[in-house]
Protein backbone atom coordinates (compact mmCIF):
# COMPACT_ATOMS: atom_id res chain seq x y z
CA UNK A 1 5.20 -5.38 -76.67
CA UNK A 2 7.02 -6.52 -73.30
CA UNK A 3 3.89 -5.39 -71.13
CA UNK A 4 1.27 -7.16 -73.61
CA UNK A 5 3.36 -10.59 -73.37
CA UNK A 6 3.55 -10.11 -69.49
CA UNK A 7 -0.16 -9.66 -69.27
CA UNK A 8 -1.12 -12.75 -71.49
CA UNK A 9 1.38 -14.70 -69.40
CA UNK A 10 -0.25 -13.60 -66.24
CA UNK A 11 -3.79 -14.19 -67.76
CA UNK A 12 -2.75 -17.77 -68.55
CA UNK A 13 -1.17 -18.53 -65.13
CA UNK A 14 -4.53 -17.31 -63.63
CA UNK A 15 -6.63 -19.71 -65.79
CA UNK A 16 -4.33 -22.72 -65.03
CA UNK A 17 -4.43 -22.03 -61.46
CA UNK A 18 -8.11 -21.61 -61.54
CA UNK A 19 -8.70 -24.69 -63.37
CA UNK A 20 -6.58 -26.82 -60.92
CA UNK A 21 -8.18 -25.40 -57.77
CA UNK A 22 -11.83 -25.64 -58.88
CA UNK A 23 -12.44 -27.82 -61.72
CA UNK A 24 -15.72 -27.38 -63.62
CA UNK A 25 -17.90 -30.09 -64.95
CA UNK A 26 -18.39 -30.45 -68.56
CA UNK A 27 -21.07 -28.38 -69.60
CA UNK A 28 -20.84 -25.91 -66.61
CA UNK A 29 -21.14 -22.14 -67.52
CA UNK A 30 -18.78 -19.91 -65.40
CA UNK A 31 -20.68 -16.65 -65.43
CA UNK A 32 -18.37 -14.19 -64.42
CA UNK A 33 -19.76 -11.24 -62.11
CA UNK A 34 -16.50 -9.47 -61.07
CA UNK A 35 -13.80 -9.88 -63.25
CA UNK A 36 -10.31 -9.93 -61.41
CA UNK A 37 -8.97 -7.70 -64.38
CA UNK A 38 -11.19 -4.63 -63.52
CA UNK A 39 -10.38 -1.96 -61.01
CA UNK A 40 -12.24 -2.03 -57.65
CA UNK A 41 -15.20 0.31 -57.59
CA UNK A 42 -16.15 -0.97 -61.35
CA UNK A 43 -19.51 -1.78 -62.26
CA UNK A 44 -20.59 -5.27 -62.62
CA UNK A 45 -19.27 -7.41 -65.41
CA UNK A 46 -21.81 -9.82 -66.20
CA UNK A 47 -25.32 -8.80 -64.40
CA UNK A 48 -27.77 -5.91 -64.31
CA UNK A 49 -28.67 -4.36 -61.06
CA UNK A 50 -32.36 -4.72 -60.13
CA UNK A 51 -34.64 -4.20 -56.98
CA UNK A 52 -37.37 -6.59 -55.45
CA UNK A 53 -39.41 -5.12 -52.44
CA UNK A 54 -39.25 -1.55 -51.33
CA UNK A 55 -36.48 1.17 -51.18
CA UNK A 56 -34.45 2.70 -53.84
CA UNK A 57 -32.21 1.04 -56.72
CA UNK A 58 -29.43 -1.15 -55.97
CA UNK A 59 -25.85 -0.32 -56.46
CA UNK A 60 -23.40 -3.06 -57.27
CA UNK A 61 -19.53 -2.60 -57.37
CA UNK A 62 -16.60 -4.97 -57.88
CA UNK A 63 -14.32 -4.93 -54.65
CA UNK A 64 -11.28 -6.76 -53.52
CA UNK A 65 -12.22 -9.82 -51.51
CA UNK A 66 -9.02 -12.05 -50.55
CA UNK A 67 -11.25 -15.00 -49.38
CA UNK A 68 -12.36 -15.69 -52.58
CA UNK A 69 -10.34 -17.40 -55.27
CA UNK A 70 -9.77 -14.66 -57.84
CA UNK A 71 -9.48 -11.93 -54.95
CA UNK A 72 -12.41 -9.90 -56.39
CA UNK A 73 -16.12 -9.90 -55.83
CA UNK A 74 -19.42 -8.26 -56.41
CA UNK A 75 -20.85 -6.27 -53.44
CA UNK A 76 -24.22 -4.40 -53.02
CA UNK A 77 -22.84 -1.11 -51.69
CA UNK A 78 -26.09 1.14 -51.15
CA UNK A 79 -26.89 -1.01 -48.12
CA UNK A 80 -30.34 0.75 -47.32
CA UNK A 81 -31.58 -0.48 -43.75
CA UNK A 82 -35.09 -1.52 -45.14
CA UNK A 83 -36.11 -4.90 -44.03
CA UNK A 84 -38.16 -5.72 -47.38
CA UNK A 85 -35.66 -4.41 -49.84
CA UNK A 86 -33.88 -6.97 -51.85
CA UNK A 87 -31.13 -5.88 -54.18
CA UNK A 88 -30.55 -8.36 -57.28
CA UNK A 89 -27.88 -8.42 -59.81
CA UNK A 90 -29.33 -10.73 -62.92
CA UNK A 91 -27.11 -12.21 -65.63
CA UNK A 92 -28.43 -11.49 -69.16
CA UNK A 93 -27.68 -15.22 -70.19
CA UNK A 94 -28.48 -17.94 -69.85
CA UNK A 95 -32.18 -18.60 -69.46
CA UNK A 96 -33.41 -22.05 -68.45
CA UNK A 97 -35.83 -23.77 -66.50
CA UNK A 98 -33.83 -26.91 -65.25
CA UNK A 99 -30.33 -26.09 -63.84
CA UNK A 100 -27.84 -26.71 -60.85
CA UNK A 101 -26.36 -23.37 -59.62
CA UNK A 102 -23.38 -22.89 -57.24
CA UNK A 103 -21.97 -19.52 -55.78
CA UNK A 104 -19.28 -18.56 -53.23
CA UNK A 105 -20.02 -15.86 -51.00
CA UNK A 106 -18.48 -14.14 -47.90
CA UNK A 107 -20.82 -12.56 -45.11
CA UNK A 108 -19.14 -9.30 -43.78
CA UNK A 109 -21.70 -7.23 -41.98
CA UNK A 110 -25.13 -6.17 -41.60
CA UNK A 111 -27.38 -5.13 -38.78
CA UNK A 112 -30.75 -5.86 -40.22
CA UNK A 113 -29.56 -8.74 -42.46
CA UNK A 114 -26.43 -10.59 -43.25
CA UNK A 115 -27.37 -12.58 -46.34
CA UNK A 116 -26.61 -14.12 -49.75
CA UNK A 117 -28.74 -15.82 -52.29
CA UNK A 118 -29.03 -17.39 -55.65
CA UNK A 119 -31.82 -16.27 -57.97
CA UNK A 120 -33.23 -18.56 -60.56
CA UNK A 121 -36.12 -18.84 -63.09
CA UNK A 122 -36.21 -14.89 -62.95
CA UNK A 123 -38.78 -13.28 -65.18
CA UNK A 124 -38.89 -9.90 -63.38
CA UNK A 125 -38.37 -8.48 -60.02
CA UNK A 126 -41.75 -9.96 -58.82
CA UNK A 127 -41.43 -13.09 -60.26
CA UNK A 128 -38.74 -15.61 -59.39
CA UNK A 129 -37.18 -18.30 -57.08
CA UNK A 130 -34.26 -17.60 -54.74
CA UNK A 131 -32.36 -19.67 -52.10
CA UNK A 132 -31.47 -17.39 -49.20
CA UNK A 133 -28.69 -17.91 -46.65
CA UNK A 134 -29.23 -15.80 -43.61
CA UNK A 135 -26.55 -15.83 -40.91
CA UNK A 136 -28.51 -13.60 -38.33
CA UNK A 137 -31.49 -15.87 -38.60
CA UNK A 138 -29.46 -18.84 -38.70
CA UNK A 139 -30.82 -20.58 -41.74
CA UNK A 140 -31.00 -21.40 -45.36
CA UNK A 141 -34.52 -21.25 -47.34
CA UNK A 142 -36.00 -21.68 -50.62
CA UNK A 143 -38.53 -18.74 -51.53
CA UNK A 144 -40.72 -18.38 -54.59
CA UNK A 145 -41.63 -14.77 -55.36
CA UNK A 146 -44.99 -14.37 -57.32
CA UNK A 147 -46.45 -10.95 -58.24
CA UNK A 148 -44.14 -9.52 -55.54
CA UNK A 149 -45.27 -11.80 -52.78
CA UNK A 150 -42.77 -13.95 -51.04
CA UNK A 151 -43.79 -17.58 -50.36
CA UNK A 152 -41.33 -19.75 -48.41
CA UNK A 153 -41.19 -23.42 -49.77
CA UNK A 154 -38.60 -24.76 -47.27
CA UNK A 155 -35.95 -23.96 -44.61
CA UNK A 156 -33.37 -25.64 -42.62
CA UNK A 157 -31.05 -24.40 -39.75
CA UNK A 158 -27.54 -23.88 -41.01
CA UNK A 159 -24.09 -23.01 -39.93
CA UNK A 160 -23.40 -19.44 -41.45
CA UNK A 161 -20.29 -17.50 -40.56
CA UNK A 162 -19.09 -13.85 -40.87
CA UNK A 163 -15.67 -13.47 -42.48
CA UNK A 164 -15.51 -17.01 -43.93
CA UNK A 165 -15.84 -18.19 -47.61
CA UNK A 166 -18.80 -20.34 -48.08
CA UNK A 167 -20.75 -22.06 -50.84
CA UNK A 168 -24.61 -22.23 -51.56
CA UNK A 169 -25.96 -24.58 -54.23
CA UNK A 170 -29.47 -25.39 -55.65
CA UNK A 171 -30.43 -27.95 -58.36
CA UNK A 172 -33.90 -27.29 -59.62
CA UNK A 173 -35.70 -29.83 -62.00
CA UNK A 174 -39.35 -29.17 -62.71
CA UNK A 175 -41.03 -28.87 -59.48
CA UNK A 176 -38.33 -30.67 -57.40
CA UNK A 177 -35.50 -28.76 -55.64
CA UNK A 178 -32.37 -29.70 -53.68
CA UNK A 179 -30.14 -27.00 -51.54
CA UNK A 180 -26.69 -27.50 -50.30
CA UNK A 181 -24.28 -25.63 -48.07
CA UNK A 182 -20.57 -26.09 -48.29
CA UNK A 183 -21.03 -29.41 -50.24
CA UNK A 184 -23.63 -31.03 -47.73
CA UNK A 185 -27.51 -31.51 -48.85
CA UNK A 186 -29.56 -29.41 -46.35
CA UNK A 187 -33.19 -30.29 -48.00
CA UNK A 188 -35.03 -31.38 -50.95
CA UNK A 189 -38.64 -30.17 -51.56
CA UNK A 190 -41.29 -29.97 -54.29
CA UNK A 191 -43.58 -27.17 -54.85
CA UNK A 192 -46.12 -28.73 -57.62
CA UNK A 193 -45.85 -25.85 -59.60
CA UNK A 194 -45.21 -26.13 -63.55
CA UNK A 195 -41.99 -24.49 -63.98
CA UNK A 196 -40.82 -21.82 -66.44
CA UNK A 197 -37.54 -20.57 -67.69
CA UNK A 198 -35.75 -17.70 -66.34
CA UNK A 199 -32.40 -16.09 -65.90
CA UNK A 200 -29.93 -16.41 -62.98
CA UNK A 201 -28.49 -13.86 -60.52
CA UNK A 202 -27.48 -13.26 -56.87
CA UNK A 203 -29.76 -11.66 -54.30
CA UNK A 204 -29.01 -9.48 -51.05
CA UNK A 205 -31.32 -7.84 -48.43
CA UNK A 206 -31.60 -4.46 -46.79
CA UNK A 207 -28.03 -3.50 -45.01
CA UNK A 208 -26.19 -6.75 -45.86
CA UNK A 209 -22.54 -6.55 -46.61
CA UNK A 210 -21.65 -9.59 -48.69
CA UNK A 211 -19.21 -10.48 -51.13
CA UNK A 212 -20.52 -12.54 -53.91
CA UNK A 213 -18.35 -14.71 -56.33
CA UNK A 214 -19.29 -15.72 -59.79
CA UNK A 215 -22.06 -18.12 -60.66
CA UNK A 216 -21.42 -21.71 -61.85
CA UNK A 217 -24.48 -22.91 -63.93
CA UNK A 218 -24.95 -26.49 -65.16
CA UNK A 219 -27.86 -26.35 -67.66
CA UNK A 220 -30.06 -29.75 -67.08
CA UNK A 221 -32.85 -28.91 -69.74
């Protein structure tokens, strides 16, 4: 009984600290990908691994990450050195057309790539949008994947660092997109395409070693 009470008090304290440090707007969904309550090496909590492009299946695990708020992160651990291999982890819910999505991440290592990305309007691994932060290339860009073909919609040079917590955000309303890094707007663009609903997730590339925090999703439909 004492152990249960201690666990409950610990959980309540974590929730209070979390809420005070990072207030969540009304209507914002906190999609947990790496629960602080599970052991390191566990499978993802709230998303399903997938792969876009070439290479073998993606493998995602919960790992310790002291630079993120709750001390845990989701990491793609297979790290195959194939430039056109894009590991994904896609949340089952929600699905929406219009939304604002924010992600905290820490870039650690990678010879071919050192990247983090937000997937939205995901239909399948051949059809989705992704905002990509790339430290080696030194930019953030918006890409639409159609029938497996990657089409860049916009990009902007950006300061991306190794071993530092940063945040990426995208707001998508119909054919209009706004992308921000660390709270600063990088660019706005349109693509003239009739938008469809889809799911949300995280994106990596090749041998990138990146810690992904949870997704914060505000539905705008």
